[in-house]
C-alpha cells in the first residue's frame, strides 16, 4: 500500500479494527526517510538504535537529545508527509515529569515529530497521561527494553514464565489505559504477542514477538544488510547493501589508482 497522505494516531486504531497490518521501520536521515515513505511504510521511527547503527556507540545509552533531534529533523525533511515517531533517549524522560515534558515538547516543536516513544510499562502511567494531556501522542514500549541493558545485563526474550507473561499483560493494559495510542512489543514468545494484541484496543507493533501482532517494526540496517556481522533472529535481510556498497567503493578506488577514472566523459574541456 502506498501511503501518500498525512495521517494521525486515530488512523492506526482503525487499521487494527479493520485487520490491516501496520508497517514501521527505523529512519535516521533524509534519503532513508524518503525511500521508506515512497515504499509505502506506514510509520517511521527515528530510533535510539541510531546510537549504534549510525553514530558508532556500543549501545543506545549515550545518545543525546540534541543528536536525536538533529536526525529527526533530517527525517522530517526527507519525508514531510510521513508519520514520524521520536524515540526518547535514555535519561531524557526518567529524571522528572517536568524534564520529560520539556524534552517531549522539543521532539514535537523542534524536531517535527508526530509522536514520541517511551520504554517502560505501568510505572510510566503518570508520565504517559501527562504527555497525552499536553497534546503529545505516546507510543509505549514493553518487553525487552534496550535502555535497561545495564540492569538486565543482556538482551533476552521476555515473558517466558507465567509470572513474567502476566506482568507484560498488566503493563500492556496499563499503558493503554494511560492513553498510549500504540505499543511496541519487543522479543517475547509469539503466542504471548498474540494474546496481548487481542487484549488491547490499541495497535501492537511487534519486533521479535510473532506474526499475530498488529504490525511490525524493524531496524533499517538489518533489513538492508548494512550491518553484516549477524542478522538478528527477529529480522530478515531483503538486500545486501553492505556488500554492494563495499564492492562499489573498491571499484572506485581501483579506477582512480589505475587511471581509468575520471575518463573523458567525466572531464571538462
C-alpha atoms as a PDB file:
ATOM      1  CA  UNK A   1       0.000   0.000   0.000  1.00  0.00           C
ATOM      2  CA  UNK A   2       1.406   3.399  -0.986  1.00  0.00           C
ATOM      3  CA  UNK A   3       0.999   5.963   1.779  1.00  0.00           C
ATOM      4  CA  UNK A   4       0.879   9.443   0.275  1.00  0.00           C
ATOM      5  CA  UNK A   5      -1.485  11.162   2.718  1.00  0.00           C
ATOM      6  CA  UNK A   6      -0.600  12.517   6.159  1.00  0.00           C
ATOM      7  CA  UNK A   7      -2.368  10.522   8.870  1.00  0.00           C
ATOM      8  CA  UNK A   8      -2.860  10.905  12.618  1.00  0.00           C
ATOM      9  CA  UNK A   9      -2.952   8.472  15.527  1.00  0.00           C
ATOM     10  CA  UNK A  10      -6.634   7.609  15.123  1.00  0.00           C
ATOM     11  CA  UNK A  11      -5.898   6.064  11.735  1.00  0.00           C
ATOM     12  CA  UNK A  12      -3.836   3.287  13.292  1.00  0.00           C
ATOM     13  CA  UNK A  13      -6.599   2.110  15.609  1.00  0.00           C
ATOM     14  CA  UNK A  14      -8.880   1.980  12.569  1.00  0.00           C
ATOM     15  CA  UNK A  15      -6.252  -0.093  10.771  1.00  0.00           C
ATOM     16  CA  UNK A  16      -6.260  -2.560  13.660  1.00  0.00           C
ATOM     17  CA  UNK A  17     -10.060  -2.714  13.726  1.00  0.00           C
ATOM     18  CA  UNK A  18     -10.042  -3.428  10.002  1.00  0.00           C
ATOM     19  CA  UNK A  19      -7.437  -6.171  10.411  1.00  0.00           C
ATOM     20  CA  UNK A  20      -4.871  -4.291   8.300  1.00  0.00           C
ATOM     21  CA  UNK A  21      -1.234  -4.792   9.248  1.00  0.00           C
ATOM     22  CA  UNK A  22       0.849  -1.706  10.123  1.00  0.00           C
ATOM     23  CA  UNK A  23       4.369  -1.450   8.721  1.00  0.00           C
ATOM     24  CA  UNK A  24       7.024   0.517  10.615  1.00  0.00           C
ATOM     25  CA  UNK A  25      10.764   0.883  10.132  1.00  0.00           C
ATOM     26  CA  UNK A  26      13.563   2.973  11.581  1.00  0.00           C
ATOM     27  CA  UNK A  27      14.851   6.006   9.682  1.00  0.00           C
ATOM     28  CA  UNK A  28      17.843   8.158  10.540  1.00  0.00           C
ATOM     29  CA  UNK A  29      18.346  10.578   7.632  1.00  0.00           C
ATOM     30  CA  UNK A  30      16.560  12.303   4.753  1.00  0.00           C
ATOM     31  CA  UNK A  31      17.362   9.791   1.961  1.00  0.00           C
ATOM     32  CA  UNK A  32      16.337   6.798   4.077  1.00  0.00           C
ATOM     33  CA  UNK A  33      13.113   8.508   5.148  1.00  0.00           C
ATOM     34  CA  UNK A  34      12.247   9.479   1.589  1.00  0.00           C
ATOM     35  CA  UNK A  35      12.804   5.916   0.348  1.00  0.00           C
ATOM     36  CA  UNK A  36      10.761   4.373   3.172  1.00  0.00           C
ATOM     37  CA  UNK A  37       7.840   6.743   2.659  1.00  0.00           C
ATOM     38  CA  UNK A  38       7.884   6.242  -1.109  1.00  0.00           C
ATOM     39  CA  UNK A  39       7.799   2.475  -0.484  1.00  0.00           C
ATOM     40  CA  UNK A  40       4.562   2.850   1.477  1.00  0.00           C
ATOM     41  CA  UNK A  41       5.892   2.342   5.010  1.00  0.00           C
ATOM     42  CA  UNK A  42       3.205   3.496   7.480  1.00  0.00           C
ATOM     43  CA  UNK A  43       5.364   4.848  10.322  1.00  0.00           C
ATOM     44  CA  UNK A  44       8.969   5.996  10.589  1.00  0.00           C
ATOM     45  CA  UNK A  45      10.677   5.579  13.953  1.00  0.00           C
ATOM     46  CA  UNK A  46      13.735   7.732  14.491  1.00  0.00           C
ATOM     47  CA  UNK A  47      15.034   5.044  16.793  1.00  0.00           C
ATOM     48  CA  UNK A  48      17.626   5.393  19.508  1.00  0.00           C
ATOM     49  CA  UNK A  49      19.213   2.472  17.643  1.00  0.00           C
ATOM     50  CA  UNK A  50      20.922   5.252  15.670  1.00  0.00           C
ATOM     51  CA  UNK A  51      23.410   5.347  18.540  1.00  0.00           C
ATOM     52  CA  UNK A  52      24.746   2.023  17.250  1.00  0.00           C
ATOM     53  CA  UNK A  53      23.741   1.937  13.583  1.00  0.00           C
ATOM     54  CA  UNK A  54      24.778   5.493  12.642  1.00  0.00           C
ATOM     55  CA  UNK A  55      26.874   7.037  15.415  1.00  0.00           C
ATOM     56  CA  UNK A  56      29.079   4.082  16.347  1.00  0.00           C
ATOM     57  CA  UNK A  57      28.276   3.801  20.057  1.00  0.00           C
ATOM     58  CA  UNK A  58      28.414   0.396  21.784  1.00  0.00           C
ATOM     59  CA  UNK A  59      24.749   0.564  22.834  1.00  0.00           C
ATOM     60  CA  UNK A  60      21.850   3.026  22.796  1.00  0.00           C
ATOM     61  CA  UNK A  61      22.587   4.709  26.126  1.00  0.00           C
ATOM     62  CA  UNK A  62      24.967   7.538  25.058  1.00  0.00           C
ATOM     63  CA  UNK A  63      22.501   9.084  22.582  1.00  0.00           C
ATOM     64  CA  UNK A  64      21.659  12.700  23.470  1.00  0.00           C
ATOM     65  CA  UNK A  65      18.504  14.719  22.881  1.00  0.00           C
ATOM     66  CA  UNK A  66      20.389  17.050  20.547  1.00  0.00           C
ATOM     67  CA  UNK A  67      21.627  14.143  18.428  1.00  0.00           C
ATOM     68  CA  UNK A  68      18.143  12.617  18.257  1.00  0.00           C
ATOM     69  CA  UNK A  69      16.587  15.975  17.329  1.00  0.00           C
ATOM     70  CA  UNK A  70      19.210  16.559  14.609  1.00  0.00           C
ATOM     71  CA  UNK A  71      18.426  13.230  12.947  1.00  0.00           C
ATOM     72  CA  UNK A  72      14.663  13.614  13.338  1.00  0.00           C
ATOM     73  CA  UNK A  73      14.828  16.973  11.583  1.00  0.00           C
ATOM     74  CA  UNK A  74      16.612  15.258   8.690  1.00  0.00           C
ATOM     75  CA  UNK A  75      13.967  12.518   8.566  1.00  0.00           C
ATOM     76  CA  UNK A  76      11.210  15.121   8.520  1.00  0.00           C
ATOM     77  CA  UNK A  77      12.881  16.996   5.652  1.00  0.00           C
ATOM     78  CA  UNK A  78      13.187  13.757   3.704  1.00  0.00           C
ATOM     79  CA  UNK A  79       9.572  12.721   4.256  1.00  0.00           C
ATOM     80  CA  UNK A  80       7.456  15.796   5.028  1.00  0.00           C
ATOM     81  CA  UNK A  81       4.170  13.852   4.974  1.00  0.00           C
ATOM     82  CA  UNK A  82       5.288  10.758   6.885  1.00  0.00           C
ATOM     83  CA  UNK A  83       4.112   9.856  10.382  1.00  0.00           C
ATOM     84  CA  UNK A  84       7.352  10.231  12.356  1.00  0.00           C
ATOM     85  CA  UNK A  85       7.919   8.938  15.877  1.00  0.00           C
ATOM     86  CA  UNK A  86      10.733  10.281  18.060  1.00  0.00           C
ATOM     87  CA  UNK A  87      12.385   7.633  20.256  1.00  0.00           C
ATOM     88  CA  UNK A  88      13.084   9.391  23.550  1.00  0.00           C
ATOM     89  CA  UNK A  89      16.755   8.816  24.502  1.00  0.00           C
ATOM     90  CA  UNK A  90      17.908   7.275  27.763  1.00  0.00           C
ATOM     91  CA  UNK A  91      17.528   9.714  30.691  1.00  0.00           C
ATOM     92  CA  UNK A  92      15.543  12.231  28.634  1.00  0.00           C
ATOM     93  CA  UNK A  93      12.312  11.268  30.425  1.00  0.00           C
ATOM     94  CA  UNK A  94      13.348   9.419  33.596  1.00  0.00           C
ATOM     95  CA  UNK A  95      14.629  12.337  35.730  1.00  0.00           C
ATOM     96  CA  UNK A  96      11.381  14.245  36.358  1.00  0.00           C
ATOM     97  CA  UNK A  97       7.947  14.845  34.930  1.00  0.00           C
ATOM     98  CA  UNK A  98       8.906  18.407  34.055  1.00  0.00           C
ATOM     99  CA  UNK A  99      12.065  17.436  32.185  1.00  0.00           C
ATOM    100  CA  UNK A 100      10.255  14.656  30.341  1.00  0.00           C
ATOM    101  CA  UNK A 101       7.515  17.054  29.264  1.00  0.00           C
ATOM    102  CA  UNK A 102      10.082  19.630  28.143  1.00  0.00           C
ATOM    103  CA  UNK A 103      12.072  17.088  26.112  1.00  0.00           C
ATOM    104  CA  UNK A 104       8.977  15.538  24.532  1.00  0.00           C
ATOM    105  CA  UNK A 105       7.864  19.042  23.608  1.00  0.00           C
ATOM    106  CA  UNK A 106      11.211  19.620  21.888  1.00  0.00           C
ATOM    107  CA  UNK A 107      10.661  16.438  19.875  1.00  0.00           C
ATOM    108  CA  UNK A 108       7.386  17.832  18.543  1.00  0.00           C
ATOM    109  CA  UNK A 109       8.279  21.532  18.211  1.00  0.00           C
ATOM    110  CA  UNK A 110      11.952  21.453  17.200  1.00  0.00           C
ATOM    111  CA  UNK A 111      12.321  18.074  15.524  1.00  0.00           C
ATOM    112  CA  UNK A 112       8.918  17.963  13.805  1.00  0.00           C
ATOM    113  CA  UNK A 113       7.903  14.555  15.149  1.00  0.00           C
ATOM    114  CA  UNK A 114       4.259  13.465  15.298  1.00  0.00           C
ATOM    115  CA  UNK A 115       4.654  11.349  18.437  1.00  0.00           C
ATOM    116  CA  UNK A 116       7.202  10.114  20.968  1.00  0.00           C
ATOM    117  CA  UNK A 117       8.087   6.596  22.140  1.00  0.00           C
ATOM    118  CA  UNK A 118       8.956   5.648  25.730  1.00  0.00           C
ATOM    119  CA  UNK A 119      10.379   2.368  27.063  1.00  0.00           C
ATOM    120  CA  UNK A 120       8.554   1.015  30.107  1.00  0.00           C
ATOM    121  CA  UNK A 121       5.284  -0.333  31.431  1.00  0.00           C
ATOM    122  CA  UNK A 122       2.851   0.545  34.200  1.00  0.00           C
ATOM    123  CA  UNK A 123       5.479   2.611  36.058  1.00  0.00           C
ATOM    124  CA  UNK A 124       5.232   5.189  33.256  1.00  0.00           C
ATOM    125  CA  UNK A 125       1.456   5.638  33.531  1.00  0.00           C
ATOM    126  CA  UNK A 126       1.581   9.091  35.173  1.00  0.00           C
ATOM    127  CA  UNK A 127       4.047  10.337  32.564  1.00  0.00           C
ATOM    128  CA  UNK A 128       2.114   8.907  29.610  1.00  0.00           C
ATOM    129  CA  UNK A 129      -1.087  10.504  30.893  1.00  0.00           C
ATOM    130  CA  UNK A 130       0.641  13.866  31.404  1.00  0.00           C
ATOM    131  CA  UNK A 131       2.144  13.877  27.920  1.00  0.00           C
ATOM    132  CA  UNK A 132      -1.148  12.908  26.294  1.00  0.00           C
ATOM    133  CA  UNK A 133      -2.948  15.595  28.301  1.00  0.00           C
ATOM    134  CA  UNK A 134      -0.416  18.094  26.945  1.00  0.00           C
ATOM    135  CA  UNK A 135      -1.243  17.041  23.385  1.00  0.00           C
ATOM    136  CA  UNK A 136       1.753  14.783  22.742  1.00  0.00           C
ATOM    137  CA  UNK A 137       0.872  11.345  21.306  1.00  0.00           C
ATOM    138  CA  UNK A 138       2.769   8.499  23.005  1.00  0.00           C
ATOM    139  CA  UNK A 139       3.786   5.083  21.730  1.00  0.00           C
ATOM    140  CA  UNK A 140       4.675   2.758  24.605  1.00  0.00           C
ATOM    141  CA  UNK A 141       7.323   0.003  24.506  1.00  0.00           C
ATOM    142  CA  UNK A 142       7.298  -3.121  26.695  1.00  0.00           C
ATOM    143  CA  UNK A 143       9.117  -6.450  26.757  1.00  0.00           C
ATOM    144  CA  UNK A 144      12.842  -6.289  26.096  1.00  0.00           C
ATOM    145  CA  UNK A 145      13.939  -2.739  26.963  1.00  0.00           C
ATOM    146  CA  UNK A 146      17.336  -1.876  25.418  1.00  0.00           C
ATOM    147  CA  UNK A 147      17.702   1.243  27.584  1.00  0.00           C
ATOM    148  CA  UNK A 148      17.804  -1.025  30.660  1.00  0.00           C
ATOM    149  CA  UNK A 149      20.683  -3.184  29.435  1.00  0.00           C
ATOM    150  CA  UNK A 150      22.830  -2.038  32.369  1.00  0.00           C
ATOM    151  CA  UNK A 151      20.423  -3.613  34.867  1.00  0.00           C
ATOM    152  CA  UNK A 152      19.214  -6.579  32.796  1.00  0.00           C
ATOM    153  CA  UNK A 153      22.764  -7.482  31.766  1.00  0.00           C
ATOM    154  CA  UNK A 154      21.781  -8.927  28.395  1.00  0.00           C
ATOM    155  CA  UNK A 155      19.304  -8.743  25.536  1.00  0.00           C
ATOM    156  CA  UNK A 156      16.971 -11.694  26.058  1.00  0.00           C
ATOM    157  CA  UNK A 157      13.433 -12.851  25.314  1.00  0.00           C
ATOM    158  CA  UNK A 158      10.935 -11.761  27.964  1.00  0.00           C
ATOM    159  CA  UNK A 159       7.647 -13.251  29.191  1.00  0.00           C
ATOM    160  CA  UNK A 160       8.602 -16.921  29.121  1.00  0.00           C
ATOM    161  CA  UNK A 161       7.331 -17.705  32.632  1.00  0.00           C
ATOM    162  CA  UNK A 162       3.659 -17.381  33.660  1.00  0.00           C
ATOM    163  CA  UNK A 163       4.588 -14.622  36.104  1.00  0.00           C
ATOM    164  CA  UNK A 164       6.551 -12.636  33.513  1.00  0.00           C
ATOM    165  CA  UNK A 165       3.783 -13.055  30.932  1.00  0.00           C
ATOM    166  CA  UNK A 166       1.183 -11.819  33.421  1.00  0.00           C
ATOM    167  CA  UNK A 167       3.353  -8.790  34.191  1.00  0.00           C
ATOM    168  CA  UNK A 168       3.598  -7.927  30.491  1.00  0.00           C
ATOM    169  CA  UNK A 169      -0.170  -8.237  30.096  1.00  0.00           C
ATOM    170  CA  UNK A 170      -0.628  -5.896  33.069  1.00  0.00           C
ATOM    171  CA  UNK A 171       1.878  -3.451  31.549  1.00  0.00           C
ATOM    172  CA  UNK A 172       0.147  -3.542  28.168  1.00  0.00           C
ATOM    173  CA  UNK A 173      -3.252  -2.813  29.692  1.00  0.00           C
ATOM    174  CA  UNK A 174      -1.775  -0.085  31.882  1.00  0.00           C
ATOM    175  CA  UNK A 175      -0.128   1.873  29.052  1.00  0.00           C
ATOM    176  CA  UNK A 176      -3.333   1.615  27.045  1.00  0.00           C
ATOM    177  CA  UNK A 177      -5.340   2.971  29.984  1.00  0.00           C
ATOM    178  CA  UNK A 178      -2.843   5.810  30.382  1.00  0.00           C
ATOM    179  CA  UNK A 179      -3.523   6.959  26.812  1.00  0.00           C
ATOM    180  CA  UNK A 180      -0.804   5.421  24.630  1.00  0.00           C
ATOM    181  CA  UNK A 181      -2.022   5.170  21.029  1.00  0.00           C
ATOM    182  CA  UNK A 182       0.087   2.056  20.307  1.00  0.00           C
ATOM    183  CA  UNK A 183       2.640  -0.181  21.999  1.00  0.00           C
ATOM    184  CA  UNK A 184       5.809  -1.877  20.780  1.00  0.00           C
ATOM    185  CA  UNK A 185       6.159  -5.494  21.939  1.00  0.00           C
ATOM    186  CA  UNK A 186       9.830  -6.479  21.826  1.00  0.00           C
ATOM    187  CA  UNK A 187      11.212 -10.018  21.974  1.00  0.00           C
ATOM    188  CA  UNK A 188       8.535 -12.110  23.637  1.00  0.00           C
ATOM    189  CA  UNK A 189       7.073 -15.511  22.706  1.00  0.00           C
ATOM    190  CA  UNK A 190       4.866 -15.330  19.628  1.00  0.00           C
ATOM    191  CA  UNK A 191       1.814 -16.713  21.438  1.00  0.00           C
ATOM    192  CA  UNK A 192       2.156 -14.033  24.115  1.00  0.00           C
ATOM    193  CA  UNK A 193       2.459 -11.352  21.445  1.00  0.00           C
ATOM    194  CA  UNK A 194      -0.822 -12.609  20.030  1.00  0.00           C
ATOM    195  CA  UNK A 195      -2.501 -12.691  23.435  1.00  0.00           C
ATOM    196  CA  UNK A 196      -1.515  -9.099  24.172  1.00  0.00           C
ATOM    197  CA  UNK A 197      -2.625  -7.981  20.713  1.00  0.00           C
ATOM    198  CA  UNK A 198      -6.077  -9.486  21.238  1.00  0.00           C
ATOM    199  CA  UNK A 199      -6.350  -7.999  24.733  1.00  0.00           C
ATOM    200  CA  UNK A 200      -5.791  -4.412  23.594  1.00  0.00           C
ATOM    201  CA  UNK A 201      -7.867  -1.987  21.525  1.00  0.00           C
ATOM    202  CA  UNK A 202      -4.706  -0.071  20.545  1.00  0.00           C
ATOM    203  CA  UNK A 203      -2.329  -1.486  17.913  1.00  0.00           C
ATOM    204  CA  UNK A 204       0.620  -3.631  18.923  1.00  0.00           C
ATOM    205  CA  UNK A 205       3.813  -3.263  16.890  1.00  0.00           C
ATOM    206  CA  UNK A 206       5.973  -6.339  17.190  1.00  0.00           C
ATOM    207  CA  UNK A 207       9.699  -6.840  16.943  1.00  0.00           C
ATOM    208  CA  UNK A 208      10.566 -10.445  17.648  1.00  0.00           C
ATOM    209  CA  UNK A 209       7.054 -11.041  19.055  1.00  0.00           C
ATOM    210  CA  UNK A 210       5.364 -13.014  16.312  1.00  0.00           C
ATOM    211  CA  UNK A 211       3.091 -12.549  13.338  1.00  0.00           C
ATOM    212  CA  UNK A 212      -0.078 -12.069  15.405  1.00  0.00           C
ATOM    213  CA  UNK A 213       0.927  -8.515  16.359  1.00  0.00           C
ATOM    214  CA  UNK A 214      -0.982  -5.752  14.580  1.00  0.00           C
ATOM    215  CA  UNK A 215       2.176  -4.507  12.890  1.00  0.00           C
ATOM    216  CA  UNK A 216       5.931  -4.936  12.724  1.00  0.00           C
ATOM    217  CA  UNK A 217       8.976  -2.686  13.291  1.00  0.00           C
ATOM    218  CA  UNK A 218      12.481  -3.498  12.085  1.00  0.00           C
ATOM    219  CA  UNK A 219      15.817  -1.700  12.050  1.00  0.00           C
ATOM    220  CA  UNK A 220      16.593  -0.331   8.581  1.00  0.00           C
ATOM    221  CA  UNK A 221      20.210  -1.532   8.672  1.00  0.00           C
ATOM    222  CA  UNK A 222      19.130  -5.112   9.394  1.00  0.00           C
ATOM    223  CA  UNK A 223      16.573  -5.190   6.576  1.00  0.00           C
ATOM    224  CA  UNK A 224      19.002  -3.726   4.026  1.00  0.00           C
ATOM    225  CA  UNK A 225      22.031  -5.784   5.089  1.00  0.00           C
ATOM    226  CA  UNK A 226      24.031  -2.717   6.090  1.00  0.00           C
ATOM    227  CA  UNK A 227      25.173  -4.468   9.277  1.00  0.00           C
ATOM    228  CA  UNK A 228      26.929  -7.642   8.164  1.00  0.00           C
ATOM    229  CA  UNK A 229      28.249  -9.183  11.388  1.00  0.00           C
ATOM    230  CA  UNK A 230      24.971 -11.006  12.050  1.00  0.00           C
ATOM    231  CA  UNK A 231      21.243 -10.865  11.363  1.00  0.00           C
ATOM    232  CA  UNK A 232      19.040 -10.845  14.498  1.00  0.00           C
ATOM    233  CA  UNK A 233      16.643 -13.798  14.705  1.00  0.00           C
ATOM    234  CA  UNK A 234      13.681 -11.422  14.610  1.00  0.00           C
ATOM    235  CA  UNK A 235      14.837  -9.831  11.332  1.00  0.00           C
ATOM    236  CA  UNK A 236      15.129 -10.780   7.672  1.00  0.00           C
ATOM    237  CA  UNK A 237      17.573  -9.357   5.132  1.00  0.00           C
ATOM    238  CA  UNK A 238      15.903  -8.088   1.980  1.00  0.00           C
ATOM    239  CA  UNK A 239      19.103  -6.768   0.390  1.00  0.00           C
ATOM    240  CA  UNK A 240      22.881  -6.955   0.818  1.00  0.00           C
ATOM    241  CA  UNK A 241      23.676  -3.255   0.606  1.00  0.00           C
ATOM    242  CA  UNK A 242      26.715  -3.575   2.871  1.00  0.00           C
ATOM    243  CA  UNK A 243      28.421  -5.885   0.389  1.00  0.00           C
ATOM    244  CA  UNK A 244      27.214  -3.893  -2.635  1.00  0.00           C
ATOM    245  CA  UNK A 245      28.459  -0.633  -1.120  1.00  0.00           C
ATOM    246  CA  UNK A 246      31.857  -2.102  -0.286  1.00  0.00           C
ATOM    247  CA  UNK A 247      32.261  -3.551  -3.785  1.00  0.00           C
ATOM    248  CA  UNK A 248      31.290  -0.237  -5.406  1.00  0.00           C
ATOM    249  CA  UNK A 249      33.831   1.670  -3.314  1.00  0.00           C
ATOM    250  CA  UNK A 250      36.523  -0.881  -4.113  1.00  0.00           C
ATOM    251  CA  UNK A 251      35.807  -0.427  -7.835  1.00  0.00           C
ATOM    252  CA  UNK A 252      36.025   3.348  -7.464  1.00  0.00           C
ATOM    253  CA  UNK A 253      39.348   3.100  -5.625  1.00  0.00           C
ATOM    254  CA  UNK A 254      40.732   0.719  -8.253  1.00  0.00           C
ATOM    255  CA  UNK A 255      39.674   3.002 -11.125  1.00  0.00           C
ATOM    256  CA  UNK A 256      41.339   6.023  -9.524  1.00  0.00           C
ATOM    257  CA  UNK A 257      44.556   4.091  -8.920  1.00  0.00           C
ATOM    258  CA  UNK A 258      44.765   2.612 -12.420  1.00  0.00           C
ATOM    259  CA  UNK A 259      43.911   5.920 -14.120  1.00  0.00           C
ATOM    260  CA  UNK A 260      40.595   4.855 -15.672  1.00  0.00           C
ATOM    261  CA  UNK A 261      38.676   7.428 -13.613  1.00  0.00           C
ATOM    262  CA  UNK A 262      37.944  10.158 -14.395  1.00  0.00           C
ATOM    263  CA  UNK A 263      37.523   9.368 -18.074  1.00  0.00           C
ATOM    264  CA  UNK A 264      36.834  11.788 -20.930  1.00  0.00           C
ATOM    265  CA  UNK A 265      33.115  11.643 -20.144  1.00  0.00           C
ATOM    266  CA  UNK A 266      33.834  12.841 -16.592  1.00  0.00           C
ATOM    267  CA  UNK A 267      36.156  15.686 -17.629  1.00  0.00           C
ATOM    268  CA  UNK A 268      35.576  19.247 -18.889  1.00  0.00           C
ATOM    269  CA  UNK A 269      37.124  20.933 -21.938  1.00  0.00           C
END
